[in-house]
C-alpha atoms as a PDB file:
ATOM      1  CA  MET A   1     -86.857   7.243  19.005  1.00  0.00           C
ATOM      2  CA  GLU A   2     -84.503   9.787  20.242  1.00  0.00           C
ATOM      3  CA  GLY A   3     -82.954   7.198  22.458  1.00  0.00           C
ATOM      4  CA  GLU A   4     -82.299   4.933  19.516  1.00  0.00           C
ATOM      5  CA  ARG A   5     -80.528   7.733  17.649  1.00  0.00           C
ATOM      6  CA  ASN A   6     -78.341   8.494  20.631  1.00  0.00           C
ATOM      7  CA  LEU A   7     -77.519   4.808  20.938  1.00  0.00           C
ATOM      8  CA  GLU A   8     -76.572   4.637  17.253  1.00  0.00           C
ATOM      9  CA  LYS A   9     -74.345   7.717  17.632  1.00  0.00           C
ATOM     10  CA  LYS A  10     -72.613   6.167  20.618  1.00  0.00           C
ATOM     11  CA  ASP A  11     -72.115   2.928  18.710  1.00  0.00           C
ATOM     12  CA  ALA A  12     -70.731   4.833  15.712  1.00  0.00           C
ATOM     13  CA  VAL A  13     -68.347   6.812  17.917  1.00  0.00           C
ATOM     14  CA  SER A  14     -67.152   3.700  19.701  1.00  0.00           C
ATOM     15  CA  LEU A  15     -66.777   1.823  16.379  1.00  0.00           C
ATOM     16  CA  SER A  16     -64.677   4.623  14.872  1.00  0.00           C
ATOM     17  CA  GLN A  17     -62.554   4.705  18.026  1.00  0.00           C
ATOM     18  CA  VAL A  18     -61.885   0.956  17.746  1.00  0.00           C
ATOM     19  CA  GLN A  19     -60.987   1.275  14.056  1.00  0.00           C
ATOM     20  CA  LYS A  20     -58.520   4.073  14.783  1.00  0.00           C
ATOM     21  CA  ASP A  21     -56.886   2.049  17.496  1.00  0.00           C
ATOM     22  CA  SER A  22     -56.499  -1.006  15.273  1.00  0.00           C
ATOM     23  CA  GLY A  23     -55.375   0.946  12.183  1.00  0.00           C
ATOM     24  CA  VAL A  24     -58.212  -0.271   9.962  1.00  0.00           C
ATOM     25  CA  ALA A  25     -59.536   3.224   9.374  1.00  0.00           C
ATOM     26  CA  SER A  26     -56.197   4.491   8.086  1.00  0.00           C
ATOM     27  CA  ARG A  27     -56.033   1.710   5.504  1.00  0.00           C
ATOM     28  CA  ALA A  28     -59.636   2.152   4.541  1.00  0.00           C
ATOM     29  CA  SER A  29     -59.140   5.853   3.908  1.00  0.00           C
ATOM     30  CA  GLN A  30     -56.475   5.215   1.237  1.00  0.00           C
ATOM     31  CA  PRO A  31     -57.588   5.132  -2.388  1.00  0.00           C
ATOM     32  CA  LEU A  32     -57.870   1.718  -3.996  1.00  0.00           C
ATOM     33  CA  ARG A  33     -55.288   2.342  -6.713  1.00  0.00           C
ATOM     34  CA  ASP A  34     -52.468   2.602  -4.168  1.00  0.00           C
ATOM     35  CA  ILE A  35     -53.246  -0.729  -2.576  1.00  0.00           C
ATOM     36  CA  PRO A  36     -51.425  -3.619  -4.291  1.00  0.00           C
ATOM     37  CA  SER A  37     -53.686  -6.460  -5.230  1.00  0.00           C
ATOM     38  CA  ALA A  38     -53.320  -9.867  -6.815  1.00  0.00           C
ATOM     39  CA  ALA A  39     -54.776  -8.578 -10.088  1.00  0.00           C
ATOM     40  CA  THR A  40     -51.950  -6.066 -10.614  1.00  0.00           C
ATOM     41  CA  PRO A  41     -48.580  -7.689  -9.844  1.00  0.00           C
ATOM     42  CA  THR A  42     -45.784  -5.341  -8.907  1.00  0.00           C
ATOM     43  CA  ARG A  43     -42.351  -5.653 -10.532  1.00  0.00           C
ATOM     44  CA  HIS A  44     -39.164  -5.313  -8.627  1.00  0.00           C
ATOM     45  CA  PRO A  45     -36.913  -2.621 -10.183  1.00  0.00           C
ATOM     46  CA  ALA A  46     -33.926  -5.006 -10.264  1.00  0.00           C
ATOM     47  CA  ARG A  47     -35.859  -7.484 -12.408  1.00  0.00           C
ATOM     48  CA  ARG A  48     -36.192  -5.271 -15.438  1.00  0.00           C
ATOM     49  CA  ASN A  49     -35.392  -6.531 -18.905  1.00  0.00           C
ATOM     50  CA  PRO A  50     -31.678  -5.903 -19.639  1.00  0.00           C
ATOM     51  CA  TYR A  51     -32.381  -5.730 -23.383  1.00  0.00           C
ATOM     52  CA  ALA A  52     -34.972  -2.983 -22.984  1.00  0.00           C
ATOM     53  CA  THR A  53     -32.557  -0.382 -21.642  1.00  0.00           C
ATOM     54  CA  SER A  54     -31.952   2.909 -23.361  1.00  0.00           C
ATOM     55  CA  ARG A  55     -28.174   2.769 -22.927  1.00  0.00           C
ATOM     56  CA  ALA A  56     -25.861   2.810 -25.920  1.00  0.00           C
ATOM     57  CA  PRO A  57     -24.465  -0.607 -26.902  1.00  0.00           C
ATOM     58  CA  GLN A  58     -21.084  -1.395 -25.427  1.00  0.00           C
ATOM     59  CA  PRO A  59     -18.194  -2.031 -27.864  1.00  0.00           C
ATOM     60  CA  LEU A  60     -16.915  -5.577 -28.076  1.00  0.00           C
ATOM     61  CA  ARG A  61     -13.789  -6.211 -26.072  1.00  0.00           C
ATOM     62  CA  TYR A  62     -10.944  -8.416 -27.323  1.00  0.00           C
ATOM     63  CA  ILE A  63     -11.037 -11.658 -25.361  1.00  0.00           C
ATOM     64  CA  PRO A  64      -8.137 -14.095 -25.885  1.00  0.00           C
ATOM     65  CA  CYS A  65      -9.447 -17.419 -27.059  1.00  0.00           C
ATOM     66  CA  ALA A  66      -7.615 -20.727 -27.191  1.00  0.00           C
ATOM     67  CA  ALA A  67      -9.610 -21.948 -30.196  1.00  0.00           C
ATOM     68  CA  THR A  68      -7.638 -20.187 -32.938  1.00  0.00           C
ATOM     69  CA  PRO A  69      -7.480 -21.493 -36.493  1.00  0.00           C
ATOM     70  CA  ALA A  70      -4.504 -23.605 -37.527  1.00  0.00           C
ATOM     71  CA  LEU A  71      -3.687 -21.212 -40.372  1.00  0.00           C
ATOM     72  CA  HIS A  72      -3.584 -17.475 -40.201  1.00  0.00           C
ATOM     73  CA  PRO A  73      -6.386 -15.497 -41.897  1.00  0.00           C
ATOM     74  CA  PHE A  74      -3.744 -14.037 -44.210  1.00  0.00           C
ATOM     75  CA  LEU A  75      -3.375 -17.480 -45.771  1.00  0.00           C
ATOM     76  CA  MET A  76      -7.049 -17.500 -46.682  1.00  0.00           C
ATOM     77  CA  PHE A  77      -6.125 -14.801 -49.175  1.00  0.00           C
ATOM     78  CA  PRO A  78      -4.796 -16.958 -52.054  1.00  0.00           C
ATOM     79  CA  LEU A  79      -2.520 -14.301 -53.537  1.00  0.00           C
ATOM     80  CA  SER A  80       0.016 -14.792 -50.767  1.00  0.00           C
ATOM     81  CA  LYS A  81       0.612 -18.457 -51.639  1.00  0.00           C
ATOM     82  CA  TYR A  82       0.271 -18.199 -55.408  1.00  0.00           C
ATOM     83  CA  LEU A  83       2.516 -15.170 -55.651  1.00  0.00           C
ATOM     84  CA  PHE A  84       5.305 -17.019 -53.911  1.00  0.00           C
ATOM     85  CA  ILE A  85       4.831 -20.122 -56.102  1.00  0.00           C
ATOM     86  CA  ALA A  86       4.846 -17.957 -59.249  1.00  0.00           C
ATOM     87  CA  LEU A  87       8.048 -16.255 -58.123  1.00  0.00           C
ATOM     88  CA  SER A  88       9.701 -19.600 -57.481  1.00  0.00           C
ATOM     89  CA  ILE A  89       8.689 -20.893 -60.942  1.00  0.00           C
ATOM     90  CA  LEU A  90      10.035 -17.720 -62.559  1.00  0.00           C
ATOM     91  CA  LEU A  91      13.250 -18.175 -60.611  1.00  0.00           C
ATOM     92  CA  PHE A  92      13.487 -21.749 -61.839  1.00  0.00           C
ATOM     93  CA  PHE A  93      13.029 -20.818 -65.511  1.00  0.00           C
ATOM     94  CA  SER A  94      15.351 -17.851 -65.288  1.00  0.00           C
ATOM     95  CA  LEU A  95      18.048 -20.045 -63.810  1.00  0.00           C
ATOM     96  CA  LEU A  96      17.306 -22.800 -66.326  1.00  0.00           C
ATOM     97  CA  LEU A  97      17.729 -20.458 -69.283  1.00  0.00           C
ATOM     98  CA  SER A  98      20.934 -18.935 -68.012  1.00  0.00           C
ATOM     99  CA  HIS A  99      24.083 -20.482 -69.529  1.00  0.00           C
ATOM    100  CA  THR A 100      26.299 -20.160 -66.473  1.00  0.00           C
ATOM    101  CA  LEU A 101      24.385 -22.523 -64.216  1.00  0.00           C
ATOM    102  CA  THR A 102      23.690 -26.198 -64.744  1.00  0.00           C
ATOM    103  CA  LEU A 103      20.315 -27.918 -64.527  1.00  0.00           C
ATOM    104  CA  SER A 104      21.048 -29.474 -61.154  1.00  0.00           C
ATOM    105  CA  LEU A 105      21.906 -26.084 -59.681  1.00  0.00           C
ATOM    106  CA  SER A 106      18.706 -24.542 -61.060  1.00  0.00           C
ATOM    107  CA  LEU A 107      16.714 -27.465 -59.657  1.00  0.00           C
ATOM    108  CA  SER A 108      18.322 -26.893 -56.301  1.00  0.00           C
ATOM    109  CA  PHE A 109      17.291 -23.219 -56.496  1.00  0.00           C
ATOM    110  CA  PHE A 110      13.782 -24.345 -57.353  1.00  0.00           C
ATOM    111  CA  LEU A 111      13.688 -26.643 -54.333  1.00  0.00           C
ATOM    112  CA  LEU A 112      15.063 -23.857 -52.174  1.00  0.00           C
ATOM    113  CA  SER A 113      12.258 -21.594 -53.297  1.00  0.00           C
ATOM    114  CA  PHE A 114       9.771 -24.189 -52.088  1.00  0.00           C
ATOM    115  CA  LEU A 115      11.727 -24.322 -48.863  1.00  0.00           C
ATOM    116  CA  PHE A 116      11.162 -20.581 -48.579  1.00  0.00           C
ATOM    117  CA  LEU A 117       7.487 -21.155 -49.256  1.00  0.00           C
ATOM    118  CA  SER A 118       7.306 -23.641 -46.412  1.00  0.00           C
ATOM    119  CA  ILE A 119       9.105 -21.128 -44.167  1.00  0.00           C
ATOM    120  CA  PHE A 120       6.552 -18.541 -45.238  1.00  0.00           C
ATOM    121  CA  LEU A 121       3.677 -20.861 -44.342  1.00  0.00           C
ATOM    122  CA  PHE A 122       5.308 -21.716 -41.031  1.00  0.00           C
ATOM    123  CA  ILE A 123       5.685 -18.076 -40.053  1.00  0.00           C
ATOM    124  CA  SER A 124       2.128 -17.356 -41.128  1.00  0.00           C
ATOM    125  CA  THR A 125       0.972 -20.209 -38.929  1.00  0.00           C
ATOM    126  CA  LEU A 126       3.080 -18.713 -36.168  1.00  0.00           C
ATOM    127  CA  GLY A 127       1.122 -15.531 -36.766  1.00  0.00           C
ATOM    128  CA  SER A 128      -2.065 -17.357 -35.835  1.00  0.00           C
ATOM    129  CA  TYR A 129      -0.585 -18.099 -32.436  1.00  0.00           C
ATOM    130  CA  LEU A 130       0.582 -14.495 -32.168  1.00  0.00           C
ATOM    131  CA  SER A 131      -3.002 -13.395 -32.791  1.00  0.00           C
ATOM    132  CA  ILE A 132      -3.951 -14.878 -29.419  1.00  0.00           C
ATOM    133  CA  TYR A 133      -1.917 -12.192 -27.668  1.00  0.00           C
ATOM    134  CA  LEU A 134      -1.880  -9.453 -30.316  1.00  0.00           C
ATOM    135  CA  PRO A 135      -4.641  -7.873 -32.386  1.00  0.00           C
ATOM    136  CA  THR A 136      -5.284  -9.651 -35.680  1.00  0.00           C
ATOM    137  CA  TYR A 137      -4.016  -6.910 -38.000  1.00  0.00           C
ATOM    138  CA  LEU A 138      -0.759  -6.603 -36.044  1.00  0.00           C
ATOM    139  CA  SER A 139      -0.109 -10.337 -36.138  1.00  0.00           C
ATOM    140  CA  ILE A 140      -0.811 -10.407 -39.909  1.00  0.00           C
ATOM    141  CA  TYR A 141       1.694  -7.619 -40.566  1.00  0.00           C
ATOM    142  CA  LEU A 142       4.239  -9.182 -38.242  1.00  0.00           C
ATOM    143  CA  SER A 143       3.978 -12.576 -39.929  1.00  0.00           C
ATOM    144  CA  ILE A 144       4.252 -11.008 -43.409  1.00  0.00           C
ATOM    145  CA  TYR A 145       7.325  -8.983 -42.501  1.00  0.00           C
ATOM    146  CA  LEU A 146       8.989 -11.895 -40.737  1.00  0.00           C
ATOM    147  CA  SER A 147       8.423 -14.220 -43.676  1.00  0.00           C
ATOM    148  CA  ILE A 148       9.642 -11.698 -46.259  1.00  0.00           C
ATOM    149  CA  TYR A 149      12.783 -10.756 -44.354  1.00  0.00           C
ATOM    150  CA  LEU A 150      13.601 -14.338 -43.452  1.00  0.00           C
ATOM    151  CA  SER A 151      13.179 -15.527 -47.035  1.00  0.00           C
ATOM    152  CA  ILE A 152      15.311 -12.655 -48.386  1.00  0.00           C
ATOM    153  CA  TYR A 153      18.123 -13.255 -45.905  1.00  0.00           C
ATOM    154  CA  LEU A 154      18.062 -17.012 -46.452  1.00  0.00           C
ATOM    155  CA  SER A 155      18.072 -16.630 -50.226  1.00  0.00           C
ATOM    156  CA  ILE A 156      21.050 -14.264 -50.074  1.00  0.00           C
ATOM    157  CA  CYS A 157      22.966 -16.580 -47.762  1.00  0.00           C
ATOM    158  CA  LEU A 158      22.203 -19.699 -49.809  1.00  0.00           C
ATOM    159  CA  SER A 159      23.000 -18.048 -53.127  1.00  0.00           C
ATOM    160  CA  VAL A 160      26.344 -16.827 -51.774  1.00  0.00           C
ATOM    161  CA  CYS A 161      27.072 -20.333 -50.481  1.00  0.00           C
ATOM    162  CA  MET A 162      26.145 -21.913 -53.841  1.00  0.00           C
ATOM    163  CA  TYR A 163      28.261 -19.503 -55.847  1.00  0.00           C
ATOM    164  CA  ALA A 164      31.136 -20.062 -53.431  1.00  0.00           C
ATOM    165  CA  CYS A 165      30.786 -23.840 -53.794  1.00  0.00           C
ATOM    166  CA  MET A 166      30.579 -23.532 -57.569  1.00  0.00           C
ATOM    167  CA  TYR A 167      33.802 -21.549 -57.922  1.00  0.00           C
ATOM    168  CA  VAL A 168      35.811 -23.451 -55.313  1.00  0.00           C
END
């Protein structure tokens, strides 16, 4: 009996020596929760959900886009067109009621006011192409100022030319 116990001790010592040499004992001594298994898949840290981050949202950057509207957003505001048409109609009736000018001259002023309206629409459309390279508010202001100044200077020049032609 004693011989069997000694034999079992020798077998146990030799078995533990073999396990240490092969590295099985070191793995067996680790707790089970540290060993990855097929039941608990591990996630790579680079594969995290980008929408689940705790970072603050980034502000939108202005990206130039070739698909701009044909008309400027200022023209979507109807007051810009209707104000100019109302001013041209008032100009027509004021010139029609004046006794110094004839009907043909007042009609020519009326047609010139619609010419100014078309210039205004052209410059506003030009503003839509400026909005590709400039911020929207800056291109709106630039197109408004260009159209107003161009219409004022053209009206002054044409009225001086008409009065000069009338008195010559």
